[in-house]
Amino acid sequence: MKLLIVDDEPIILNSLKDMLLHTDYAGFTILTADNAMDAYELLQEEQPQIMLCDIQMPCLSGIDLLKKIYEDEVIDTNVIFITGYPDFHYAQSAIRYKAFDYLLKPVTKETLLPCLDKAVSSWELHERTRKLSATLTQFYKENRSLLKKQFLENLLINPLSSFSTDFFRQSVSLGLKFERFCMIGIRCDMRSENLLQNQEYYIAYSLSLFINQDYRELTSCYIGNIVYVLYPLSSADSPQQIQDCLDKFTASISAYARDKLLSCLTISISQTADSVQQIPSLNKQILQCFSFDRAYFSTENDNIIFFDDIDDYNTNILEINECISLLINAIRARDAQIARQMTDRFLQLIEQETLSTQKDALQLVELNLHCQLEKSLTDPGDIGYLIHPISSRCRKEPCSENSRMIFHNCVNNIIQELAGVSDRHNNQLINSIIDYVNKNYERPIGLSDVAEYLGRNASYISRLLNKELHMGFAQLVTKHRLAAAKDLLANTSYKVADIAEKVGYTSPKYFHQVFVSNLNMTPSDYRAIMKQF
C-alpha cells in the first residue's frame, strides 16, 4: 500500500516519515510532498490509499486539496488532516468533503497509529466492496437475460413476490419498467403421436431458446410446456400497429415450431398492462384463454386467442379470485403486510360488483379461511370465533367502512393465531429435542439421530435450534454433557477419566480440552473449588 505525507514544514514532514519507518508501516511505500499542487500530482500518478495532510499551507490549503479530490471522483484516498489549529471551521470543511479523520499537532505515535489502523481497515473494506461491486456489475452485464428470465419465472411461480418491498427496485434494475406491455403465452402441442412422451417440454425449451436468441429485446421463460413472453408496447402505437407487431411475432414463432420442432402452438395474448406487478393477473388471463373452447379457433394448427376476445368472461371476477388466492397465501405465510394489501385490493375489486356478487365473494373468502384454519386449529370453536365476524357483521354492507375495519381485524387476528400455533409447535419440538439430549448424551449422538427420532429433516432441526436457542445441536449436547460433568465432579469421587466416559466422551484428553475451552479451568480445578463450599 502507499501512504502520502503532505506538509510545508520540512521538520514535521521528515518527523512523520521517520515515525512511520519505525512501525509496522515501514513496509508501505511512503511518499512526500511539501505543497498541495505536488501532492495532487502524486495522487493522480501514484494513487496512494492514505494521505496525511497539513491544512494550512501556502497557495493551496489542505482543505482546497481535499475539495479537488472530492470533486475528482477518480481519486480514491482516505485523507487524515493534521493541523495545529483546533478551529471548528476546519472540522466542518473536513466533514463536508469527506475527510477520514482530523488530528491535532503535535502528532504522536499514540494518536497517529490507531488513526492509521482505522484508515487502512476502512480502505481495505471499501476496496473489497468495490471489487465485489465490479464483479457483480460484470456478472449482471453478462447474464442480464438470464436474470430477467429467472425474475419472470419467480413471479409466475410465486405471485406474492410481486408485493415484496424489493420487487419494484429489482424490476427497474433489470430494465423491466414498461410504459405498456402484454404477456404472450405459447403452449406447445404434440403434432405427431410418434414423438416421445413429454416431448412438448423439450419443444417449449427449444422455442424459449429461439426467442431469447432472435428477440433479445423480449423477456421470456418456459414453465412446463408453456413459454411466457413479455412483449413491450409503445403508448403511441395504434391498435392496428400493435396488432401488426403481434401478428408478425406469432407468425415467426409458429413457422419455427412447424419447420424445426414439428409442433403446433396454441398462443394466448393477455390484455395490456403498465406494471410488472400485474403479471400474476396476466398469467390468469393466459391460462383462461388456454381453457377456452377449442371450437373458437379458426385455423387448424396455429391457434391464437386474445383475452379481450372472450366476450362472455368477467375479467374483474378473475382478479377477485386471484386476489383471494394471494390473500390466503399471505395468511399462510403469516405476512401481515401483504395480507393487508390483498384485503384492500379485494375490497376495491368487489366494490365494482353487485351486492349479490359482493356477498358471494365474501363467502368464498370465509370458506378459504375455514379450510386454512382447519389445517392448524383443532377446536371448531376457535375457528368460528376467528371467522364469524365476517359473516355476521360484513355481509349486509361488505364495502362499508365498518365492514372494512372488521375484515382487516379478522385477518390480523387469524395471522396472529396461526403465528402463535407455529410458536407453540416450535416450543414443543424444542422441548422434545432437549428431552432426547437429556436421555442420550451419555452415548455418541448427532443431528441425524435426533432428526430420525423426531421424524424431521436434519437441516430443519438445525435451523430451529439456531433460531430458538441460538446454538447448534453439537453445542446443545456439549452444554448438557458439561452440566452433568460438573455435577459429578462436585458430588462424587469418580476419576476425571471415568467422568469423561460417563458423560459421553471417549477421549479424556478431548474432554479436558472441551472443559477448559468452555469454563476456563481444568476439571480438577473445578472439583477443588467446589470442595471448598
Protein backbone atom coordinates (compact mmCIF):
# COMPACT_ATOMS: atom_id res chain seq x y z
CA MET A 1 0.00 0.00 0.00
CA LYS A 2 1.02 3.63 -0.47
CA LEU A 3 0.90 6.49 2.04
CA LEU A 4 1.39 10.16 1.14
CA ILE A 5 2.57 12.77 3.69
CA VAL A 6 1.94 16.43 2.81
CA ASP A 7 3.33 19.29 4.92
CA ASP A 8 5.10 22.54 4.02
CA GLU A 9 7.35 22.32 7.12
CA PRO A 10 10.34 20.01 6.39
CA ILE A 11 10.89 19.20 10.08
CA ILE A 12 7.32 17.93 10.54
CA LEU A 13 7.36 16.15 7.18
CA ASN A 14 10.58 14.26 8.00
CA SER A 15 9.46 13.61 11.57
CA LEU A 16 6.24 11.93 10.42
CA LYS A 17 8.09 9.86 7.84
CA ASP A 18 10.71 8.77 10.37
CA MET A 19 7.97 7.91 12.88
CA LEU A 20 6.31 5.58 10.38
CA LEU A 21 9.57 3.93 9.33
CA HIS A 22 9.91 2.61 12.90
CA THR A 23 6.46 0.99 12.94
CA ASP A 24 4.59 -1.71 11.03
CA TYR A 25 4.02 0.92 8.34
CA ALA A 26 7.67 0.67 7.30
CA GLY A 27 6.55 -1.81 4.65
CA PHE A 28 4.35 0.84 2.99
CA THR A 29 5.55 2.93 0.08
CA ILE A 30 5.86 6.32 1.79
CA LEU A 31 5.60 9.37 -0.50
CA THR A 32 6.09 13.01 0.50
CA ALA A 33 5.16 16.43 -0.84
CA ASP A 34 5.76 19.90 0.62
CA ASN A 35 2.85 21.62 -1.15
CA ALA A 36 -0.68 20.83 -2.27
CA MET A 37 -0.05 21.08 -6.03
CA ASP A 38 2.77 18.49 -5.95
CA ALA A 39 0.60 16.36 -3.70
CA TYR A 40 -2.26 16.47 -6.23
CA GLU A 41 0.08 15.29 -9.00
CA LEU A 42 1.29 12.41 -6.81
CA LEU A 43 -2.32 11.49 -6.01
CA GLN A 44 -3.08 11.23 -9.71
CA GLU A 45 0.11 9.34 -10.60
CA GLU A 46 0.61 7.04 -7.60
CA GLN A 47 -2.97 6.66 -6.27
CA PRO A 48 -1.93 6.31 -2.57
CA GLN A 49 -4.52 4.70 -0.31
CA ILE A 50 -3.86 7.02 2.67
CA MET A 51 -2.84 10.69 2.83
CA LEU A 52 -1.65 12.61 5.92
CA CYS A 53 -2.09 16.26 5.07
CA ASP A 54 -1.44 19.58 6.80
CA ILE A 55 -4.32 22.06 6.48
CA GLN A 56 -2.55 25.43 6.45
CA MET A 57 -0.13 25.58 3.52
CA PRO A 58 0.77 28.45 1.17
CA CYS A 59 -1.04 28.88 -2.17
CA LEU A 60 -3.34 25.90 -1.86
CA SER A 61 -4.52 24.74 1.56
CA GLY A 62 -5.20 21.16 2.63
CA ILE A 63 -8.95 21.91 2.50
CA ASP A 64 -8.58 23.12 -1.09
CA LEU A 65 -6.70 19.92 -1.93
CA LEU A 66 -9.42 17.80 -0.31
CA LYS A 67 -12.06 19.68 -2.30
CA LYS A 68 -10.24 18.86 -5.57
CA ILE A 69 -10.06 15.19 -4.54
CA TYR A 70 -13.75 15.24 -3.61
CA GLU A 71 -14.71 16.74 -6.97
CA ASP A 72 -12.38 14.41 -8.88
CA GLU A 73 -14.19 11.10 -8.46
CA VAL A 74 -11.23 9.17 -9.94
CA ILE A 75 -9.01 9.62 -6.85
CA ASP A 76 -9.86 7.21 -4.03
CA THR A 77 -7.81 8.12 -0.94
CA ASN A 78 -8.55 8.26 2.78
CA VAL A 79 -7.44 11.72 3.95
CA ILE A 80 -6.32 12.40 7.53
CA PHE A 81 -5.84 16.09 8.31
CA ILE A 82 -3.09 17.36 10.60
CA THR A 83 -3.30 20.88 11.99
CA GLY A 84 -2.16 22.96 14.90
CA TYR A 85 -5.41 24.95 14.99
CA PRO A 86 -8.47 23.37 16.65
CA ASP A 87 -10.79 25.53 14.56
CA PHE A 88 -14.37 24.27 14.16
CA HIS A 89 -14.47 25.82 10.67
CA TYR A 90 -11.73 23.41 9.57
CA ALA A 91 -13.60 20.44 11.02
CA GLN A 92 -16.77 21.49 9.17
CA SER A 93 -14.91 21.70 5.87
CA ALA A 94 -13.22 18.36 6.50
CA ILE A 95 -16.60 16.70 7.11
CA ARG A 96 -18.16 18.38 4.06
CA TYR A 97 -15.53 16.93 1.73
CA LYS A 98 -15.46 13.51 3.45
CA ALA A 99 -12.09 13.59 5.22
CA PHE A 100 -11.45 10.36 7.13
CA ASP A 101 -10.12 11.94 10.33
CA TYR A 102 -8.66 15.07 11.92
CA LEU A 103 -5.55 15.12 14.17
CA LEU A 104 -4.09 18.00 16.18
CA LYS A 105 -0.39 18.77 16.36
CA PRO A 106 1.89 17.70 17.88
CA VAL A 107 1.21 14.26 16.40
CA THR A 108 2.48 11.29 18.45
CA LYS A 109 2.56 7.58 17.76
CA GLU A 110 -0.20 7.11 20.33
CA THR A 111 -2.59 9.31 18.32
CA LEU A 112 -1.35 8.60 14.79
CA LEU A 113 -1.10 4.80 14.67
CA PRO A 114 -4.67 3.98 15.83
CA CYS A 115 -5.95 6.53 13.34
CA LEU A 116 -3.91 5.00 10.52
CA ASP A 117 -5.04 1.49 11.50
CA LYS A 118 -8.68 2.57 11.17
CA ALA A 119 -7.99 4.33 7.88
CA VAL A 120 -6.29 1.25 6.39
CA SER A 121 -9.06 -1.07 7.59
CA SER A 122 -11.66 1.29 6.14
CA TRP A 123 -9.88 1.47 2.81
CA GLU A 124 -9.45 -2.33 2.63
CA LEU A 125 -13.15 -2.81 3.33
CA HIS A 126 -14.01 -0.20 0.71
CA GLU A 127 -11.71 -1.92 -1.79
CA ARG A 128 -13.25 -5.33 -1.17
CA THR A 129 -16.69 -3.78 -1.61
CA ARG A 130 -15.57 -2.05 -4.82
CA LYS A 131 -14.15 -5.28 -6.27
CA LEU A 132 -17.29 -7.18 -5.34
CA SER A 133 -19.40 -4.46 -6.92
CA ALA A 134 -17.32 -4.61 -10.10
CA THR A 135 -17.66 -8.41 -10.18
CA LEU A 136 -21.41 -8.21 -9.68
CA THR A 137 -21.73 -5.50 -12.32
CA GLN A 138 -19.82 -7.64 -14.81
CA PHE A 139 -21.91 -10.68 -13.90
CA TYR A 140 -25.09 -8.62 -14.29
CA LYS A 141 -23.92 -7.34 -17.67
CA GLU A 142 -23.06 -10.83 -18.94
CA ASN A 143 -26.13 -12.56 -17.50
CA ARG A 144 -28.83 -9.92 -17.75
CA SER A 145 -31.09 -12.01 -19.99
CA LEU A 146 -30.76 -14.96 -17.61
CA LEU A 147 -31.58 -12.77 -14.61
CA LYS A 148 -34.67 -11.39 -16.36
CA LYS A 149 -35.75 -14.93 -17.20
CA GLN A 150 -35.33 -16.01 -13.56
CA PHE A 151 -37.18 -12.90 -12.37
CA LEU A 152 -40.13 -13.73 -14.61
CA GLU A 153 -40.09 -17.40 -13.57
CA ASN A 154 -40.14 -16.46 -9.89
CA LEU A 155 -43.03 -14.07 -10.42
CA LEU A 156 -45.10 -16.67 -12.27
CA ILE A 157 -44.41 -19.41 -9.72
CA ASN A 158 -44.66 -17.17 -6.65
CA PRO A 159 -47.17 -14.35 -7.36
CA LEU A 160 -46.78 -12.98 -3.82
CA SER A 161 -43.27 -11.83 -4.69
CA SER A 162 -44.81 -9.00 -6.75
CA PHE A 163 -45.81 -7.34 -3.47
CA SER A 164 -42.42 -7.55 -1.75
CA THR A 165 -40.57 -4.33 -0.89
CA ASP A 166 -37.63 -5.16 -3.19
CA PHE A 167 -39.75 -6.16 -6.16
CA PHE A 168 -40.07 -2.80 -7.89
CA ARG A 169 -36.37 -1.96 -7.41
CA GLN A 170 -35.37 -5.31 -8.94
CA SER A 171 -37.69 -4.92 -11.93
CA VAL A 172 -36.34 -1.43 -12.69
CA SER A 173 -32.69 -2.57 -12.39
CA LEU A 174 -33.42 -5.36 -14.88
CA GLY A 175 -34.98 -2.95 -17.37
CA LEU A 176 -38.50 -4.31 -16.89
CA LYS A 177 -40.23 -0.97 -16.40
CA PHE A 178 -42.53 -0.71 -19.43
CA GLU A 179 -44.92 2.11 -20.30
CA ARG A 180 -47.19 -0.61 -21.68
CA PHE A 181 -46.86 -4.32 -22.44
CA CYS A 182 -48.80 -7.53 -22.83
CA MET A 183 -47.94 -11.11 -21.96
CA ILE A 184 -47.99 -13.89 -24.52
CA GLY A 185 -48.42 -17.50 -23.51
CA ILE A 186 -47.31 -20.13 -26.03
CA ARG A 187 -48.39 -23.69 -25.34
CA CYS A 188 -46.53 -26.35 -27.27
CA ASP A 189 -48.78 -29.15 -28.52
CA MET A 190 -47.83 -32.51 -29.98
CA ARG A 191 -48.19 -32.64 -33.76
CA SER A 192 -47.26 -36.27 -34.21
CA GLU A 193 -48.16 -39.18 -31.96
CA ASN A 194 -44.85 -40.83 -32.87
CA LEU A 195 -42.80 -38.37 -30.84
CA LEU A 196 -41.54 -39.31 -27.40
CA GLN A 197 -43.76 -38.89 -24.37
CA ASN A 198 -43.44 -35.41 -22.79
CA GLN A 199 -41.75 -34.18 -25.97
CA GLU A 200 -43.68 -30.90 -25.59
CA TYR A 201 -41.42 -29.92 -22.66
CA TYR A 202 -38.36 -30.15 -24.89
CA ILE A 203 -40.22 -28.18 -27.57
CA ALA A 204 -41.01 -25.42 -25.03
CA TYR A 205 -37.32 -25.34 -24.03
CA SER A 206 -36.19 -25.10 -27.67
CA LEU A 207 -38.75 -22.44 -28.50
CA SER A 208 -37.65 -20.39 -25.49
CA LEU A 209 -34.02 -20.57 -26.70
CA PHE A 210 -35.10 -19.42 -30.17
CA ILE A 211 -36.97 -16.41 -28.73
CA ASN A 212 -34.06 -15.45 -26.44
CA GLN A 213 -31.60 -15.60 -29.34
CA ASP A 214 -33.66 -13.93 -32.08
CA TYR A 215 -35.68 -11.49 -29.95
CA ARG A 216 -33.19 -10.22 -27.38
CA GLU A 217 -35.37 -7.22 -26.51
CA LEU A 218 -38.03 -9.58 -25.16
CA THR A 219 -38.07 -11.34 -21.81
CA SER A 220 -39.18 -14.95 -21.89
CA CYS A 221 -39.09 -18.15 -19.88
CA TYR A 222 -40.72 -21.54 -20.03
CA ILE A 223 -42.60 -23.41 -17.30
CA GLY A 224 -43.61 -26.93 -18.25
CA ASN A 225 -44.89 -26.87 -21.82
CA ILE A 226 -45.75 -23.16 -21.79
CA VAL A 227 -43.42 -20.37 -22.93
CA TYR A 228 -44.17 -16.93 -21.44
CA VAL A 229 -43.10 -13.74 -23.23
CA LEU A 230 -43.27 -10.14 -22.03
CA TYR A 231 -43.94 -8.08 -25.15
CA PRO A 232 -43.30 -4.30 -24.73
CA LEU A 233 -45.69 -1.91 -26.45
CA SER A 234 -45.50 1.82 -27.05
CA SER A 235 -48.30 4.00 -25.76
CA ALA A 236 -48.03 5.87 -29.07
CA ASP A 237 -48.82 2.74 -31.11
CA SER A 238 -52.29 2.49 -32.61
CA PRO A 239 -54.33 -0.70 -32.12
CA GLN A 240 -53.57 -1.65 -35.72
CA GLN A 241 -49.81 -1.18 -35.21
CA ILE A 242 -49.94 -3.36 -32.09
CA GLN A 243 -51.90 -6.00 -33.98
CA ASP A 244 -49.38 -5.96 -36.84
CA CYS A 245 -46.41 -6.39 -34.46
CA LEU A 246 -48.06 -9.27 -32.61
CA ASP A 247 -49.08 -10.95 -35.87
CA LYS A 248 -45.51 -10.76 -37.17
CA PHE A 249 -44.06 -12.19 -33.95
CA THR A 250 -46.59 -15.03 -33.63
CA ALA A 251 -46.19 -15.92 -37.32
CA SER A 252 -42.42 -16.18 -36.87
CA ILE A 253 -42.52 -18.47 -33.86
CA SER A 254 -45.32 -20.57 -35.35
CA ALA A 255 -43.26 -21.13 -38.51
CA TYR A 256 -40.22 -22.07 -36.41
CA ALA A 257 -42.28 -24.56 -34.40
CA ARG A 258 -43.73 -26.14 -37.54
CA ASP A 259 -40.50 -26.36 -39.52
CA LYS A 260 -37.91 -27.09 -36.84
CA LEU A 261 -39.82 -28.69 -33.98
CA LEU A 262 -42.66 -30.48 -35.80
CA SER A 263 -45.07 -28.91 -33.38
CA CYS A 264 -48.12 -26.71 -33.48
CA LEU A 265 -48.78 -23.94 -31.00
CA THR A 266 -51.67 -22.52 -29.05
CA ILE A 267 -51.00 -18.83 -28.44
CA SER A 268 -52.79 -16.74 -25.83
CA ILE A 269 -52.39 -12.95 -25.62
CA SER A 270 -53.33 -11.03 -22.49
CA GLN A 271 -54.75 -7.57 -22.09
CA THR A 272 -52.25 -4.70 -21.97
CA ALA A 273 -50.74 -3.62 -18.65
CA ASP A 274 -48.40 -0.89 -17.40
CA SER A 275 -46.73 -2.55 -14.39
CA VAL A 276 -44.93 -5.88 -13.99
CA GLN A 277 -46.84 -6.23 -10.71
CA GLN A 278 -49.81 -7.11 -12.93
CA ILE A 279 -48.07 -10.18 -14.37
CA PRO A 280 -49.84 -12.63 -11.99
CA SER A 281 -53.17 -11.27 -13.28
CA LEU A 282 -51.99 -11.53 -16.89
CA ASN A 283 -50.97 -15.14 -16.25
CA LYS A 284 -54.51 -15.89 -15.09
CA GLN A 285 -55.75 -14.44 -18.38
CA ILE A 286 -53.33 -16.61 -20.35
CA LEU A 287 -54.49 -19.75 -18.57
CA GLN A 288 -58.12 -18.74 -19.05
CA CYS A 289 -57.50 -18.45 -22.79
CA PHE A 290 -55.94 -21.93 -22.84
CA SER A 291 -59.07 -23.36 -21.20
CA PHE A 292 -61.39 -21.69 -23.71
CA ASP A 293 -63.44 -23.87 -26.06
CA ARG A 294 -61.14 -25.01 -28.92
CA ALA A 295 -64.05 -24.65 -31.35
CA TYR A 296 -63.45 -20.91 -31.10
CA PHE A 297 -60.27 -21.18 -33.14
CA SER A 298 -60.47 -20.77 -36.88
CA THR A 299 -57.18 -22.34 -38.01
CA GLU A 300 -56.24 -25.96 -37.75
CA ASN A 301 -52.68 -25.88 -36.47
CA ASP A 302 -51.75 -22.47 -35.05
CA ASN A 303 -54.37 -21.21 -32.67
CA ILE A 304 -54.25 -17.61 -31.45
CA ILE A 305 -56.69 -16.10 -28.99
CA PHE A 306 -56.78 -12.66 -27.39
CA PHE A 307 -58.16 -12.44 -23.88
CA ASP A 308 -60.08 -9.33 -24.96
CA ASP A 309 -61.99 -11.51 -27.45
CA ILE A 310 -63.53 -13.67 -24.72
CA ASP A 311 -66.71 -11.62 -24.61
CA ASP A 312 -68.53 -13.67 -22.02
CA TYR A 313 -65.86 -13.54 -19.35
CA ASN A 314 -65.84 -11.05 -16.46
CA THR A 315 -62.20 -10.00 -16.00
CA ASN A 316 -62.98 -8.45 -12.64
CA ILE A 317 -64.15 -11.83 -11.32
CA LEU A 318 -60.84 -13.29 -12.46
CA GLU A 319 -58.96 -10.66 -10.47
CA ILE A 320 -61.16 -11.22 -7.41
CA ASN A 321 -60.41 -14.96 -7.47
CA GLU A 322 -56.71 -14.26 -7.87
CA CYS A 323 -56.80 -11.73 -5.04
CA ILE A 324 -58.46 -14.26 -2.71
CA SER A 325 -55.77 -16.80 -3.59
CA LEU A 326 -53.00 -14.28 -2.84
CA LEU A 327 -54.69 -13.28 0.43
CA ILE A 328 -54.82 -16.89 1.61
CA ASN A 329 -51.17 -17.38 0.59
CA ALA A 330 -50.16 -14.30 2.58
CA ILE A 331 -52.07 -15.56 5.64
CA ARG A 332 -50.44 -18.96 5.24
CA ALA A 333 -47.05 -17.22 5.18
CA ARG A 334 -48.02 -15.08 8.24
CA ASP A 335 -47.21 -11.97 6.18
CA ALA A 336 -49.41 -9.23 7.67
CA GLN A 337 -48.21 -6.51 5.29
CA ILE A 338 -49.10 -8.37 2.08
CA ALA A 339 -52.33 -9.67 3.65
CA ARG A 340 -53.32 -6.06 4.34
CA GLN A 341 -52.58 -5.09 0.72
CA MET A 342 -54.58 -8.05 -0.60
CA THR A 343 -57.51 -7.24 1.71
CA ASP A 344 -57.60 -3.66 0.41
CA ARG A 345 -57.32 -4.87 -3.18
CA PHE A 346 -60.10 -7.43 -2.67
CA LEU A 347 -62.46 -4.80 -1.27
CA GLN A 348 -61.65 -2.41 -4.12
CA LEU A 349 -62.49 -5.10 -6.67
CA ILE A 350 -65.78 -6.29 -5.16
CA GLU A 351 -66.91 -2.68 -4.76
CA GLN A 352 -67.38 -2.65 -8.55
CA GLU A 353 -69.76 -5.63 -8.42
CA THR A 354 -73.41 -6.08 -7.45
CA LEU A 355 -74.32 -6.67 -3.81
CA SER A 356 -75.07 -10.30 -4.60
CA THR A 357 -71.58 -10.81 -6.07
CA GLN A 358 -70.01 -9.00 -3.10
CA LYS A 359 -71.71 -11.40 -0.70
CA ASP A 360 -70.66 -14.41 -2.78
CA ALA A 361 -67.06 -13.17 -2.78
CA LEU A 362 -67.10 -12.74 1.00
CA GLN A 363 -68.47 -16.25 1.40
CA LEU A 364 -65.67 -17.59 -0.82
CA VAL A 365 -63.11 -15.87 1.43
CA GLU A 366 -64.77 -17.40 4.52
CA LEU A 367 -64.63 -20.89 3.00
CA ASN A 368 -60.95 -20.49 2.11
CA LEU A 369 -60.13 -19.18 5.60
CA HIS A 370 -62.03 -22.03 7.18
CA CYS A 371 -60.07 -24.60 5.13
CA GLN A 372 -56.80 -22.90 6.08
CA LEU A 373 -57.62 -22.79 9.80
CA GLU A 374 -58.78 -26.42 9.86
CA LYS A 375 -55.22 -27.44 9.00
CA SER A 376 -53.83 -25.71 12.11
CA LEU A 377 -56.61 -25.44 14.72
CA THR A 378 -58.35 -28.45 16.22
CA ASP A 379 -61.13 -26.64 18.12
CA PRO A 380 -64.08 -25.70 15.83
CA GLY A 381 -64.99 -23.02 18.37
CA ASP A 382 -61.69 -21.23 17.78
CA ILE A 383 -62.23 -21.33 14.02
CA GLY A 384 -65.74 -19.93 14.35
CA TYR A 385 -64.58 -17.20 16.74
CA LEU A 386 -61.98 -16.01 14.20
CA ILE A 387 -64.19 -16.12 11.09
CA HIS A 388 -67.69 -15.40 12.43
CA PRO A 389 -67.38 -11.55 12.44
CA ILE A 390 -67.01 -11.59 8.63
CA SER A 391 -70.27 -13.45 8.06
CA SER A 392 -72.25 -11.84 10.88
CA ARG A 393 -71.17 -8.20 10.55
CA CYS A 394 -69.86 -7.69 7.00
CA ARG A 395 -72.41 -9.44 4.80
CA LYS A 396 -75.05 -6.70 4.87
CA GLU A 397 -72.73 -3.96 3.55
CA PRO A 398 -69.46 -5.67 2.53
CA CYS A 399 -67.74 -2.46 1.36
CA SER A 400 -68.73 -0.07 4.16
CA GLU A 401 -66.01 1.48 6.34
CA ASN A 402 -67.16 -0.58 9.31
CA SER A 403 -67.01 -3.82 7.30
CA ARG A 404 -63.54 -2.94 6.02
CA MET A 405 -62.29 -2.43 9.58
CA ILE A 406 -63.85 -5.72 10.76
CA PHE A 407 -62.39 -7.61 7.78
CA HIS A 408 -58.89 -6.21 8.47
CA ASN A 409 -59.14 -7.07 12.16
CA CYS A 410 -60.23 -10.63 11.39
CA VAL A 411 -57.30 -11.16 9.01
CA ASN A 412 -54.84 -9.75 11.58
CA ASN A 413 -56.31 -11.97 14.34
CA ILE A 414 -56.04 -15.05 12.14
CA ILE A 415 -52.39 -14.32 11.30
CA GLN A 416 -51.58 -13.80 15.00
CA GLU A 417 -53.34 -17.04 15.94
CA LEU A 418 -51.50 -19.03 13.26
CA ALA A 419 -48.19 -17.46 14.30
CA GLY A 420 -48.96 -18.49 17.89
CA VAL A 421 -49.65 -22.05 16.75
CA SER A 422 -46.27 -22.08 14.98
CA ASP A 423 -44.54 -20.80 18.13
CA ARG A 424 -46.25 -23.38 20.33
CA HIS A 425 -45.36 -26.12 17.85
CA ASN A 426 -41.74 -24.94 17.79
CA ASN A 427 -41.60 -24.88 21.60
CA GLN A 428 -42.94 -28.44 21.76
CA LEU A 429 -40.33 -29.55 19.21
CA ILE A 430 -37.52 -27.79 21.11
CA ASN A 431 -38.62 -29.50 24.33
CA SER A 432 -38.58 -32.86 22.52
CA ILE A 433 -35.02 -32.21 21.28
CA ILE A 434 -33.83 -31.24 24.76
CA ASP A 435 -35.52 -34.29 26.27
CA TYR A 436 -33.79 -36.51 23.69
CA VAL A 437 -30.40 -35.00 24.55
CA ASN A 438 -31.02 -35.40 28.30
CA LYS A 439 -31.72 -39.10 27.82
CA ASN A 440 -28.95 -39.85 25.33
CA TYR A 441 -25.97 -37.52 25.95
CA GLU A 442 -24.01 -40.40 27.55
CA ARG A 443 -23.60 -42.06 24.15
CA PRO A 444 -22.39 -40.70 20.79
CA ILE A 445 -25.32 -38.81 19.20
CA GLY A 446 -25.57 -36.46 16.26
CA LEU A 447 -28.05 -34.25 14.47
CA SER A 448 -29.14 -37.10 12.17
CA ASP A 449 -30.03 -39.23 15.22
CA VAL A 450 -32.42 -36.69 16.75
CA ALA A 451 -33.87 -35.89 13.30
CA GLU A 452 -34.63 -39.58 12.73
CA TYR A 453 -36.10 -39.91 16.24
CA LEU A 454 -38.45 -36.95 15.68
CA GLY A 455 -39.18 -37.76 12.03
CA ARG A 456 -37.94 -34.35 10.90
CA ASN A 457 -35.44 -33.05 8.38
CA ALA A 458 -31.97 -32.57 9.94
CA SER A 459 -31.48 -29.14 8.37
CA TYR A 460 -34.87 -28.02 9.75
CA ILE A 461 -33.84 -29.14 13.27
CA SER A 462 -30.56 -27.23 12.90
CA ARG A 463 -32.30 -24.01 11.77
CA LEU A 464 -34.86 -24.30 14.58
CA LEU A 465 -32.15 -24.66 17.26
CA ASN A 466 -30.24 -21.67 15.91
CA LYS A 467 -33.41 -19.58 15.76
CA GLU A 468 -34.84 -20.52 19.17
CA LEU A 469 -31.75 -21.34 21.29
CA HIS A 470 -29.03 -19.53 19.30
CA MET A 471 -26.89 -22.67 19.24
CA GLY A 472 -26.34 -25.73 17.10
CA PHE A 473 -27.06 -29.34 18.07
CA ALA A 474 -23.41 -30.07 18.94
CA GLN A 475 -23.35 -27.05 21.27
CA LEU A 476 -26.57 -28.25 22.93
CA VAL A 477 -25.07 -31.71 23.55
CA THR A 478 -21.86 -30.16 24.90
CA LYS A 479 -23.87 -27.95 27.25
CA HIS A 480 -25.70 -30.94 28.75
CA ARG A 481 -22.57 -33.08 28.96
CA LEU A 482 -20.67 -30.35 30.80
CA ALA A 483 -23.59 -29.79 33.17
CA ALA A 484 -23.57 -33.49 34.04
CA ALA A 485 -19.77 -33.49 34.35
CA LYS A 486 -19.84 -30.53 36.75
CA ASP A 487 -22.39 -32.32 38.92
CA LEU A 488 -20.24 -35.49 39.05
CA LEU A 489 -17.06 -33.51 39.79
CA ALA A 490 -18.74 -31.67 42.65
CA ASN A 491 -20.64 -34.57 44.23
CA THR A 492 -18.67 -37.78 43.54
CA SER A 493 -15.12 -39.07 43.84
CA TYR A 494 -15.02 -40.61 40.36
CA LYS A 495 -11.77 -40.14 38.45
CA VAL A 496 -11.85 -37.44 35.78
CA ALA A 497 -11.32 -40.06 33.06
CA ASP A 498 -14.31 -42.05 34.33
CA ILE A 499 -16.48 -38.91 34.42
CA ALA A 500 -15.48 -38.13 30.83
CA GLU A 501 -16.70 -41.57 29.75
CA LYS A 502 -19.94 -41.28 31.77
CA VAL A 503 -20.93 -38.04 30.05
CA GLY A 504 -20.24 -39.28 26.52
CA TYR A 505 -16.56 -38.53 25.81
CA THR A 506 -14.46 -41.48 24.63
CA SER A 507 -11.23 -39.46 25.00
CA PRO A 508 -10.32 -37.99 28.44
CA LYS A 509 -7.91 -35.62 26.67
CA TYR A 510 -10.69 -34.24 24.45
CA PHE A 511 -13.00 -33.92 27.47
CA HIS A 512 -10.27 -31.89 29.20
CA GLN A 513 -9.95 -29.58 26.16
CA VAL A 514 -13.73 -29.03 25.93
CA PHE A 515 -14.00 -28.35 29.68
CA VAL A 516 -11.17 -25.78 29.66
CA SER A 517 -12.46 -24.15 26.46
CA ASN A 518 -15.92 -23.60 27.96
CA LEU A 519 -15.16 -22.94 31.64
CA ASN A 520 -11.61 -21.52 31.54
CA MET A 521 -10.42 -24.05 34.15
CA THR A 522 -9.50 -27.73 34.26
CA PRO A 523 -11.89 -30.39 35.62
CA SER A 524 -9.54 -30.90 38.60
CA ASP A 525 -9.52 -27.17 39.40
CA TYR A 526 -13.33 -27.11 39.25
CA ARG A 527 -13.51 -30.05 41.68
CA ALA A 528 -11.05 -28.37 44.04
CA ILE A 529 -13.05 -25.13 44.05
CA MET A 530 -16.37 -26.90 44.65
CA LYS A 531 -14.94 -28.85 47.61
CA GLN A 532 -14.32 -25.56 49.42
CA PHE A 533 -18.08 -24.98 49.73
